[in-house]
């Protein structure tokens, strides 16, 4: 299992907005483009890129979802945390 992974995400305070982002990505829009438009996280400026991180850095629900993804895979549903709803893409 990887010690560190790299992910991008889209963070939305409302589930409906997160579902809209996920729908746009599923329809073929670029993840980074959707992140720049819809994410409420400062990482939106980098297309949602969070860089590399290991276990114990992110909140548990985010970490569990991120580490369960294969490279290139996106969460099937928004992941709820205390920050809001995340669409997560594992990039490396």
PDB file of N, CA and C in Angstrom:
ATOM      1  N   UNK A   1       0.846  -1.190   0.000  1.00  0.00           N
ATOM      2  CA  UNK A   1       0.000   0.000   0.000  1.00  0.00           C
ATOM      3  C   UNK A   1       0.889   1.251   0.000  1.00  0.00           C
ATOM      4  N   UNK A   2       0.437   2.233  -0.698  1.00  0.00           N
ATOM      5  CA  UNK A   2       1.222   3.464  -0.848  1.00  0.00           C
ATOM      6  C   UNK A   2       1.345   4.218   0.468  1.00  0.00           C
ATOM      7  N   UNK A   3       2.547   4.754   0.729  1.00  0.00           N
ATOM      8  CA  UNK A   3       2.747   5.588   1.911  1.00  0.00           C
ATOM      9  C   UNK A   3       2.185   6.983   1.681  1.00  0.00           C
ATOM     10  N   UNK A   4       2.359   7.486   0.468  1.00  0.00           N
ATOM     11  CA  UNK A   4       1.848   8.804   0.103  1.00  0.00           C
ATOM     12  C   UNK A   4       1.137   8.709  -1.230  1.00  0.00           C
ATOM     13  N   UNK A   5       0.061   9.455  -1.326  1.00  0.00           N
ATOM     14  CA  UNK A   5      -0.687   9.517  -2.573  1.00  0.00           C
ATOM     15  C   UNK A   5      -0.893  10.987  -2.928  1.00  0.00           C
ATOM     16  N   UNK A   6      -1.301  11.218  -4.153  1.00  0.00           N
ATOM     17  CA  UNK A   6      -1.594  12.580  -4.597  1.00  0.00           C
ATOM     18  C   UNK A   6      -3.041  12.618  -5.066  1.00  0.00           C
ATOM     19  N   UNK A   7      -3.749  13.624  -4.622  1.00  0.00           N
ATOM     20  CA  UNK A   7      -5.155  13.748  -4.983  1.00  0.00           C
ATOM     21  C   UNK A   7      -5.499  15.189  -5.321  1.00  0.00           C
ATOM     22  N   UNK A   8      -6.577  15.310  -6.066  1.00  0.00           N
ATOM     23  CA  UNK A   8      -7.238  16.585  -6.284  1.00  0.00           C
ATOM     24  C   UNK A   8      -8.645  16.433  -5.744  1.00  0.00           C
ATOM     25  N   UNK A   9      -9.266  17.539  -5.400  1.00  0.00           N
ATOM     26  CA  UNK A   9     -10.641  17.437  -4.925  1.00  0.00           C
ATOM     27  C   UNK A   9     -11.427  18.687  -5.281  1.00  0.00           C
ATOM     28  N   UNK A  10     -12.727  18.530  -5.190  1.00  0.00           N
ATOM     29  CA  UNK A  10     -13.666  19.630  -5.319  1.00  0.00           C
ATOM     30  C   UNK A  10     -14.438  19.643  -4.012  1.00  0.00           C
ATOM     31  N   UNK A  11     -14.447  20.757  -3.321  1.00  0.00           N
ATOM     32  CA  UNK A  11     -15.137  20.885  -2.040  1.00  0.00           C
ATOM     33  C   UNK A  11     -16.324  21.817  -2.206  1.00  0.00           C
ATOM     34  N   UNK A  12     -17.492  21.337  -1.795  1.00  0.00           N
ATOM     35  CA  UNK A  12     -18.719  22.132  -1.862  1.00  0.00           C
ATOM     36  C   UNK A  12     -19.428  22.073  -0.515  1.00  0.00           C
ATOM     37  N   UNK A  13     -20.006  23.186  -0.107  1.00  0.00           N
ATOM     38  CA  UNK A  13     -20.727  23.215   1.165  1.00  0.00           C
ATOM     39  C   UNK A  13     -22.099  22.552   1.045  1.00  0.00           C
ATOM     40  N   UNK A  14     -22.630  22.480  -0.179  1.00  0.00           N
ATOM     41  CA  UNK A  14     -23.945  21.875  -0.387  1.00  0.00           C
ATOM     42  C   UNK A  14     -23.829  20.608  -1.230  1.00  0.00           C
ATOM     43  N   UNK A  15     -24.563  19.591  -0.813  1.00  0.00           N
ATOM     44  CA  UNK A  15     -24.557  18.321  -1.536  1.00  0.00           C
ATOM     45  C   UNK A  15     -24.999  18.519  -2.983  1.00  0.00           C
ATOM     46  N   UNK A  16     -25.999  19.356  -3.218  1.00  0.00           N
ATOM     47  CA  UNK A  16     -26.505  19.561  -4.574  1.00  0.00           C
ATOM     48  C   UNK A  16     -25.417  20.101  -5.504  1.00  0.00           C
ATOM     49  N   UNK A  17     -24.575  20.984  -4.998  1.00  0.00           N
ATOM     50  CA  UNK A  17     -23.483  21.542  -5.806  1.00  0.00           C
ATOM     51  C   UNK A  17     -22.422  20.474  -6.089  1.00  0.00           C
ATOM     52  N   UNK A  18     -22.136  19.635  -5.095  1.00  0.00           N
ATOM     53  CA  UNK A  18     -21.167  18.554  -5.278  1.00  0.00           C
ATOM     54  C   UNK A  18     -21.682  17.556  -6.316  1.00  0.00           C
ATOM     55  N   UNK A  19     -22.966  17.256  -6.265  1.00  0.00           N
ATOM     56  CA  UNK A  19     -23.552  16.333  -7.241  1.00  0.00           C
ATOM     57  C   UNK A  19     -23.519  16.921  -8.647  1.00  0.00           C
ATOM     58  N   UNK A  20     -23.720  18.230  -8.757  1.00  0.00           N
ATOM     59  CA  UNK A  20     -23.619  18.904 -10.056  1.00  0.00           C
ATOM     60  C   UNK A  20     -22.196  18.787 -10.605  1.00  0.00           C
ATOM     61  N   UNK A  21     -21.200  19.014  -9.747  1.00  0.00           N
ATOM     62  CA  UNK A  21     -19.794  18.887 -10.161  1.00  0.00           C
ATOM     63  C   UNK A  21     -19.518  17.473 -10.643  1.00  0.00           C
ATOM     64  N   UNK A  22     -19.978  16.489  -9.890  1.00  0.00           N
ATOM     65  CA  UNK A  22     -19.757  15.087 -10.252  1.00  0.00           C
ATOM     66  C   UNK A  22     -20.427  14.756 -11.585  1.00  0.00           C
ATOM     67  N   UNK A  23     -21.614  15.262 -11.796  1.00  0.00           N
ATOM     68  CA  UNK A  23     -22.333  15.034 -13.054  1.00  0.00           C
ATOM     69  C   UNK A  23     -21.563  15.622 -14.236  1.00  0.00           C
ATOM     70  N   UNK A  24     -21.051  16.825 -14.073  1.00  0.00           N
ATOM     71  CA  UNK A  24     -20.282  17.466 -15.151  1.00  0.00           C
ATOM     72  C   UNK A  24     -19.035  16.657 -15.496  1.00  0.00           C
ATOM     73  N   UNK A  25     -18.357  16.137 -14.480  1.00  0.00           N
ATOM     74  CA  UNK A  25     -17.155  15.330 -14.708  1.00  0.00           C
ATOM     75  C   UNK A  25     -17.521  14.029 -15.418  1.00  0.00           C
ATOM     76  N   UNK A  26     -18.602  13.395 -14.979  1.00  0.00           N
ATOM     77  CA  UNK A  26     -19.047  12.142 -15.603  1.00  0.00           C
ATOM     78  C   UNK A  26     -19.430  12.354 -17.064  1.00  0.00           C
ATOM     79  N   UNK A  27     -19.882  13.564 -17.386  1.00  0.00           N
ATOM     80  CA  UNK A  27     -20.257  13.884 -18.760  1.00  0.00           C
ATOM     81  C   UNK A  27     -19.044  14.265 -19.615  1.00  0.00           C
ATOM     82  N   UNK A  28     -17.850  14.234 -19.015  1.00  0.00           N
ATOM     83  CA  UNK A  28     -16.639  14.427 -19.793  1.00  0.00           C
ATOM     84  C   UNK A  28     -15.891  15.723 -19.575  1.00  0.00           C
ATOM     85  N   UNK A  29     -16.401  16.603 -18.704  1.00  0.00           N
ATOM     86  CA  UNK A  29     -15.667  17.847 -18.445  1.00  0.00           C
ATOM     87  C   UNK A  29     -14.406  17.543 -17.654  1.00  0.00           C
ATOM     88  N   UNK A  30     -13.400  18.371 -17.851  1.00  0.00           N
ATOM     89  CA  UNK A  30     -12.122  18.225 -17.174  1.00  0.00           C
ATOM     90  C   UNK A  30     -12.271  18.492 -15.674  1.00  0.00           C
ATOM     91  N   UNK A  31     -11.727  17.579 -14.859  1.00  0.00           N
ATOM     92  CA  UNK A  31     -11.826  17.694 -13.398  1.00  0.00           C
ATOM     93  C   UNK A  31     -11.298  19.037 -12.915  1.00  0.00           C
ATOM     94  N   UNK A  32     -10.111  19.425 -13.390  1.00  0.00           N
ATOM     95  CA  UNK A  32      -9.483  20.678 -12.948  1.00  0.00           C
ATOM     96  C   UNK A  32     -10.337  21.893 -13.315  1.00  0.00           C
ATOM     97  N   UNK A  33     -10.947  21.861 -14.484  1.00  0.00           N
ATOM     98  CA  UNK A  33     -11.802  22.975 -14.918  1.00  0.00           C
ATOM     99  C   UNK A  33     -13.014  23.097 -13.999  1.00  0.00           C
ATOM    100  N   UNK A  34     -13.644  21.976 -13.694  1.00  0.00           N
ATOM    101  CA  UNK A  34     -14.807  21.990 -12.803  1.00  0.00           C
ATOM    102  C   UNK A  34     -14.390  22.438 -11.406  1.00  0.00           C
ATOM    103  N   UNK A  35     -13.227  21.982 -10.951  1.00  0.00           N
ATOM    104  CA  UNK A  35     -12.729  22.396  -9.628  1.00  0.00           C
ATOM    105  C   UNK A  35     -12.542  23.911  -9.570  1.00  0.00           C
ATOM    106  N   UNK A  36     -11.953  24.476 -10.615  1.00  0.00           N
ATOM    107  CA  UNK A  36     -11.718  25.925 -10.641  1.00  0.00           C
ATOM    108  C   UNK A  36     -13.027  26.701 -10.595  1.00  0.00           C
ATOM    109  N   UNK A  37     -14.063  26.154 -11.203  1.00  0.00           N
ATOM    110  CA  UNK A  37     -15.357  26.844 -11.263  1.00  0.00           C
ATOM    111  C   UNK A  37     -16.215  26.641 -10.018  1.00  0.00           C
ATOM    112  N   UNK A  38     -16.214  25.425  -9.452  1.00  0.00           N
ATOM    113  CA  UNK A  38     -17.184  25.105  -8.410  1.00  0.00           C
ATOM    114  C   UNK A  38     -16.631  24.878  -7.011  1.00  0.00           C
ATOM    115  N   UNK A  39     -15.359  24.537  -6.886  1.00  0.00           N
ATOM    116  CA  UNK A  39     -14.817  24.222  -5.565  1.00  0.00           C
ATOM    117  C   UNK A  39     -14.769  25.457  -4.676  1.00  0.00           C
ATOM    118  N   UNK A  40     -14.996  25.243  -3.394  1.00  0.00           N
ATOM    119  CA  UNK A  40     -14.943  26.316  -2.403  1.00  0.00           C
ATOM    120  C   UNK A  40     -13.655  26.259  -1.576  1.00  0.00           C
ATOM    121  N   UNK A  41     -12.716  25.443  -2.002  1.00  0.00           N
ATOM    122  CA  UNK A  41     -11.430  25.296  -1.320  1.00  0.00           C
ATOM    123  C   UNK A  41     -10.383  26.155  -2.040  1.00  0.00           C
ATOM    124  N   UNK A  42      -9.439  26.726  -1.298  1.00  0.00           N
ATOM    125  CA  UNK A  42      -8.368  27.489  -1.960  1.00  0.00           C
ATOM    126  C   UNK A  42      -7.600  26.682  -3.006  1.00  0.00           C
ATOM    127  N   UNK A  43      -7.617  25.354  -2.903  1.00  0.00           N
ATOM    128  CA  UNK A  43      -6.931  24.512  -3.894  1.00  0.00           C
ATOM    129  C   UNK A  43      -7.555  24.633  -5.278  1.00  0.00           C
ATOM    130  N   UNK A  44      -8.711  25.264  -5.388  1.00  0.00           N
ATOM    131  CA  UNK A  44      -9.364  25.423  -6.704  1.00  0.00           C
ATOM    132  C   UNK A  44      -8.463  26.160  -7.682  1.00  0.00           C
ATOM    133  N   UNK A  45      -7.610  27.042  -7.162  1.00  0.00           N
ATOM    134  CA  UNK A  45      -6.687  27.787  -8.026  1.00  0.00           C
ATOM    135  C   UNK A  45      -5.717  26.860  -8.740  1.00  0.00           C
ATOM    136  N   UNK A  46      -5.484  25.678  -8.152  1.00  0.00           N
ATOM    137  CA  UNK A  46      -4.587  24.670  -8.736  1.00  0.00           C
ATOM    138  C   UNK A  46      -5.392  23.513  -9.336  1.00  0.00           C
ATOM    139  N   UNK A  47      -6.639  23.782  -9.678  1.00  0.00           N
ATOM    140  CA  UNK A  47      -7.481  22.733 -10.241  1.00  0.00           C
ATOM    141  C   UNK A  47      -7.855  21.677  -9.223  1.00  0.00           C
ATOM    142  N   UNK A  48      -7.795  22.037  -7.945  1.00  0.00           N
ATOM    143  CA  UNK A  48      -8.146  21.119  -6.869  1.00  0.00           C
ATOM    144  C   UNK A  48      -6.985  20.304  -6.339  1.00  0.00           C
ATOM    145  N   UNK A  49      -5.793  20.489  -6.898  1.00  0.00           N
ATOM    146  CA  UNK A  49      -4.622  19.681  -6.505  1.00  0.00           C
ATOM    147  C   UNK A  49      -4.247  19.914  -5.053  1.00  0.00           C
ATOM    148  N   UNK A  50      -4.187  18.817  -4.295  1.00  0.00           N
ATOM    149  CA  UNK A  50      -3.788  18.865  -2.884  1.00  0.00           C
ATOM    150  C   UNK A  50      -2.349  18.418  -2.675  1.00  0.00           C
ATOM    151  N   UNK A  51      -1.688  17.992  -3.741  1.00  0.00           N
ATOM    152  CA  UNK A  51      -0.321  17.499  -3.620  1.00  0.00           C
ATOM    153  C   UNK A  51      -0.289  16.112  -2.995  1.00  0.00           C
ATOM    154  N   UNK A  52       0.899  15.708  -2.558  1.00  0.00           N
ATOM    155  CA  UNK A  52       1.098  14.399  -1.937  1.00  0.00           C
ATOM    156  C   UNK A  52       0.825  14.494  -0.437  1.00  0.00           C
ATOM    157  N   UNK A  53       0.221  13.448   0.102  1.00  0.00           N
ATOM    158  CA  UNK A  53      -0.002  13.375   1.541  1.00  0.00           C
ATOM    159  C   UNK A  53      -0.040  11.918   1.973  1.00  0.00           C
ATOM    160  N   UNK A  54       0.276  11.699   3.229  1.00  0.00           N
ATOM    161  CA  UNK A  54       0.253  10.359   3.795  1.00  0.00           C
ATOM    162  C   UNK A  54      -0.941  10.183   4.713  1.00  0.00           C
ATOM    163  N   UNK A  55      -1.014   9.030   5.320  1.00  0.00           N
ATOM    164  CA  UNK A  55      -2.098   8.750   6.266  1.00  0.00           C
ATOM    165  C   UNK A  55      -1.952   9.634   7.500  1.00  0.00           C
ATOM    166  N   UNK A  56      -3.089   9.990   8.073  1.00  0.00           N
ATOM    167  CA  UNK A  56      -3.090  10.792   9.288  1.00  0.00           C
ATOM    168  C   UNK A  56      -3.065  12.290   9.040  1.00  0.00           C
ATOM    169  N   UNK A  57      -3.041  12.704   7.785  1.00  0.00           N
ATOM    170  CA  UNK A  57      -2.978  14.134   7.448  1.00  0.00           C
ATOM    171  C   UNK A  57      -4.378  14.696   7.219  1.00  0.00           C
ATOM    172  N   UNK A  58      -5.190  13.962   6.477  1.00  0.00           N
ATOM    173  CA  UNK A  58      -6.547  14.408   6.140  1.00  0.00           C
ATOM    174  C   UNK A  58      -7.537  13.841   7.157  1.00  0.00           C
ATOM    175  N   UNK A  59      -8.728  14.417   7.207  1.00  0.00           N
ATOM    176  CA  UNK A  59      -9.775  13.893   8.089  1.00  0.00           C
ATOM    177  C   UNK A  59     -10.132  12.482   7.639  1.00  0.00           C
ATOM    178  N   UNK A  60     -10.558  11.636   8.574  1.00  0.00           N
ATOM    179  CA  UNK A  60     -10.750  10.199   8.323  1.00  0.00           C
ATOM    180  C   UNK A  60     -11.608   9.864   7.109  1.00  0.00           C
ATOM    181  N   UNK A  61     -12.819  10.424   6.965  1.00  0.00           N
ATOM    182  CA  UNK A  61     -13.624  10.026   5.802  1.00  0.00           C
ATOM    183  C   UNK A  61     -12.931  10.342   4.478  1.00  0.00           C
ATOM    184  N   UNK A  62     -12.252  11.486   4.420  1.00  0.00           N
ATOM    185  CA  UNK A  62     -11.521  11.868   3.206  1.00  0.00           C
ATOM    186  C   UNK A  62     -10.382  10.889   2.975  1.00  0.00           C
ATOM    187  N   UNK A  63      -9.603  10.622   4.015  1.00  0.00           N
ATOM    188  CA  UNK A  63      -8.457   9.711   3.900  1.00  0.00           C
ATOM    189  C   UNK A  63      -8.890   8.327   3.436  1.00  0.00           C
ATOM    190  N   UNK A  64      -9.928   7.792   4.053  1.00  0.00           N
ATOM    191  CA  UNK A  64     -10.390   6.450   3.692  1.00  0.00           C
ATOM    192  C   UNK A  64     -10.805   6.390   2.226  1.00  0.00           C
ATOM    193  N   UNK A  65     -11.543   7.390   1.776  1.00  0.00           N
ATOM    194  CA  UNK A  65     -11.977   7.413   0.379  1.00  0.00           C
ATOM    195  C   UNK A  65     -10.784   7.568  -0.558  1.00  0.00           C
ATOM    196  N   UNK A  66      -9.887   8.485  -0.252  1.00  0.00           N
ATOM    197  CA  UNK A  66      -8.743   8.761  -1.121  1.00  0.00           C
ATOM    198  C   UNK A  66      -7.836   7.547  -1.262  1.00  0.00           C
ATOM    199  N   UNK A  67      -7.527   6.887  -0.155  1.00  0.00           N
ATOM    200  CA  UNK A  67      -6.621   5.741  -0.200  1.00  0.00           C
ATOM    201  C   UNK A  67      -7.275   4.504  -0.823  1.00  0.00           C
ATOM    202  N   UNK A  68      -8.605   4.499  -0.936  1.00  0.00           N
ATOM    203  CA  UNK A  68      -9.278   3.352  -1.555  1.00  0.00           C
ATOM    204  C   UNK A  68      -9.335   3.472  -3.080  1.00  0.00           C
ATOM    205  N   UNK A  69      -9.032   4.653  -3.608  1.00  0.00           N
ATOM    206  CA  UNK A  69      -9.084   4.883  -5.050  1.00  0.00           C
ATOM    207  C   UNK A  69      -7.826   4.374  -5.753  1.00  0.00           C
ATOM    208  N   UNK A  70      -7.989   3.983  -7.011  1.00  0.00           N
ATOM    209  CA  UNK A  70      -6.858   3.680  -7.872  1.00  0.00           C
ATOM    210  C   UNK A  70      -6.454   4.989  -8.565  1.00  0.00           C
ATOM    211  N   UNK A  71      -5.228   5.065  -9.052  1.00  0.00           N
ATOM    212  CA  UNK A  71      -4.773   6.259  -9.760  1.00  0.00           C
ATOM    213  C   UNK A  71      -5.703   6.517 -10.953  1.00  0.00           C
ATOM    214  N   UNK A  72      -6.180   7.746 -11.058  1.00  0.00           N
ATOM    215  CA  UNK A  72      -7.088   8.142 -12.126  1.00  0.00           C
ATOM    216  C   UNK A  72      -8.560   7.991 -11.777  1.00  0.00           C
ATOM    217  N   UNK A  73      -8.844   7.327 -10.690  1.00  0.00           N
ATOM    218  CA  UNK A  73     -10.228   7.072 -10.290  1.00  0.00           C
ATOM    219  C   UNK A  73     -10.796   8.240  -9.477  1.00  0.00           C
ATOM    220  N   UNK A  74     -12.096   8.450  -9.605  1.00  0.00           N
ATOM    221  CA  UNK A  74     -12.814   9.508  -8.902  1.00  0.00           C
ATOM    222  C   UNK A  74     -13.867   8.859  -8.014  1.00  0.00           C
ATOM    223  N   UNK A  75     -14.108   9.436  -6.839  1.00  0.00           N
ATOM    224  CA  UNK A  75     -15.140   8.891  -5.957  1.00  0.00           C
ATOM    225  C   UNK A  75     -16.474   8.838  -6.691  1.00  0.00           C
ATOM    226  N   UNK A  76     -17.224   7.767  -6.447  1.00  0.00           N
ATOM    227  CA  UNK A  76     -18.510   7.579  -7.120  1.00  0.00           C
ATOM    228  C   UNK A  76     -19.580   8.511  -6.563  1.00  0.00           C
ATOM    229  N   UNK A  77     -19.450   8.881  -5.316  1.00  0.00           N
ATOM    230  CA  UNK A  77     -20.390   9.775  -4.637  1.00  0.00           C
ATOM    231  C   UNK A  77     -19.582  10.801  -3.842  1.00  0.00           C
ATOM    232  N   UNK A  78     -20.178  11.954  -3.525  1.00  0.00           N
ATOM    233  CA  UNK A  78     -19.483  12.926  -2.677  1.00  0.00           C
ATOM    234  C   UNK A  78     -19.180  12.324  -1.301  1.00  0.00           C
ATOM    235  N   UNK A  79     -18.032  12.699  -0.748  1.00  0.00           N
ATOM    236  CA  UNK A  79     -17.599  12.238   0.568  1.00  0.00           C
ATOM    237  C   UNK A  79     -17.863  13.369   1.558  1.00  0.00           C
ATOM    238  N   UNK A  80     -18.673  13.090   2.581  1.00  0.00           N
ATOM    239  CA  UNK A  80     -19.039  14.122   3.555  1.00  0.00           C
ATOM    240  C   UNK A  80     -18.015  14.172   4.690  1.00  0.00           C
ATOM    241  N   UNK A  81     -17.554  15.374   4.985  1.00  0.00           N
ATOM    242  CA  UNK A  81     -16.692  15.618   6.142  1.00  0.00           C
ATOM    243  C   UNK A  81     -17.218  16.865   6.844  1.00  0.00           C
ATOM    244  N   UNK A  82     -16.556  17.272   7.900  1.00  0.00           N
ATOM    245  CA  UNK A  82     -16.921  18.498   8.594  1.00  0.00           C
ATOM    246  C   UNK A  82     -16.710  19.744   7.750  1.00  0.00           C
ATOM    247  N   UNK A  83     -15.969  19.621   6.656  1.00  0.00           N
ATOM    248  CA  UNK A  83     -15.709  20.756   5.771  1.00  0.00           C
ATOM    249  C   UNK A  83     -16.779  20.914   4.692  1.00  0.00           C
ATOM    250  N   UNK A  84     -17.493  19.826   4.409  1.00  0.00           N
ATOM    251  CA  UNK A  84     -18.494  19.833   3.357  1.00  0.00           C
ATOM    252  C   UNK A  84     -18.455  18.535   2.586  1.00  0.00           C
ATOM    253  N   UNK A  85     -18.738  18.620   1.291  1.00  0.00           N
ATOM    254  CA  UNK A  85     -18.811  17.448   0.421  1.00  0.00           C
ATOM    255  C   UNK A  85     -17.670  17.505  -0.591  1.00  0.00           C
ATOM    256  N   UNK A  86     -16.920  16.400  -0.672  1.00  0.00           N
ATOM    257  CA  UNK A  86     -15.741  16.328  -1.526  1.00  0.00           C
ATOM    258  C   UNK A  86     -15.958  15.373  -2.685  1.00  0.00           C
ATOM    259  N   UNK A  87     -15.527  15.775  -3.864  1.00  0.00           N
ATOM    260  CA  UNK A  87     -15.337  14.867  -4.998  1.00  0.00           C
ATOM    261  C   UNK A  87     -13.824  14.702  -5.066  1.00  0.00           C
ATOM    262  N   UNK A  88     -13.351  13.473  -4.946  1.00  0.00           N
ATOM    263  CA  UNK A  88     -11.909  13.225  -4.848  1.00  0.00           C
ATOM    264  C   UNK A  88     -11.434  12.445  -6.077  1.00  0.00           C
ATOM    265  N   UNK A  89     -10.311  12.891  -6.614  1.00  0.00           N
ATOM    266  CA  UNK A  89      -9.650  12.177  -7.727  1.00  0.00           C
ATOM    267  C   UNK A  89      -8.225  11.869  -7.301  1.00  0.00           C
ATOM    268  N   UNK A  90      -7.872  10.590  -7.363  1.00  0.00           N
ATOM    269  CA  UNK A  90      -6.484  10.194  -7.063  1.00  0.00           C
ATOM    270  C   UNK A  90      -5.665  10.368  -8.326  1.00  0.00           C
ATOM    271  N   UNK A  91      -4.610  11.160  -8.228  1.00  0.00           N
ATOM    272  CA  UNK A  91      -3.822  11.481  -9.417  1.00  0.00           C
ATOM    273  C   UNK A  91      -2.468  10.791  -9.453  1.00  0.00           C
ATOM    274  N   UNK A  92      -1.979  10.287  -8.337  1.00  0.00           N
ATOM    275  CA  UNK A  92      -0.697   9.582  -8.310  1.00  0.00           C
ATOM    276  C   UNK A  92      -0.588   8.758  -7.030  1.00  0.00           C
TER     277      UNK A  92
END
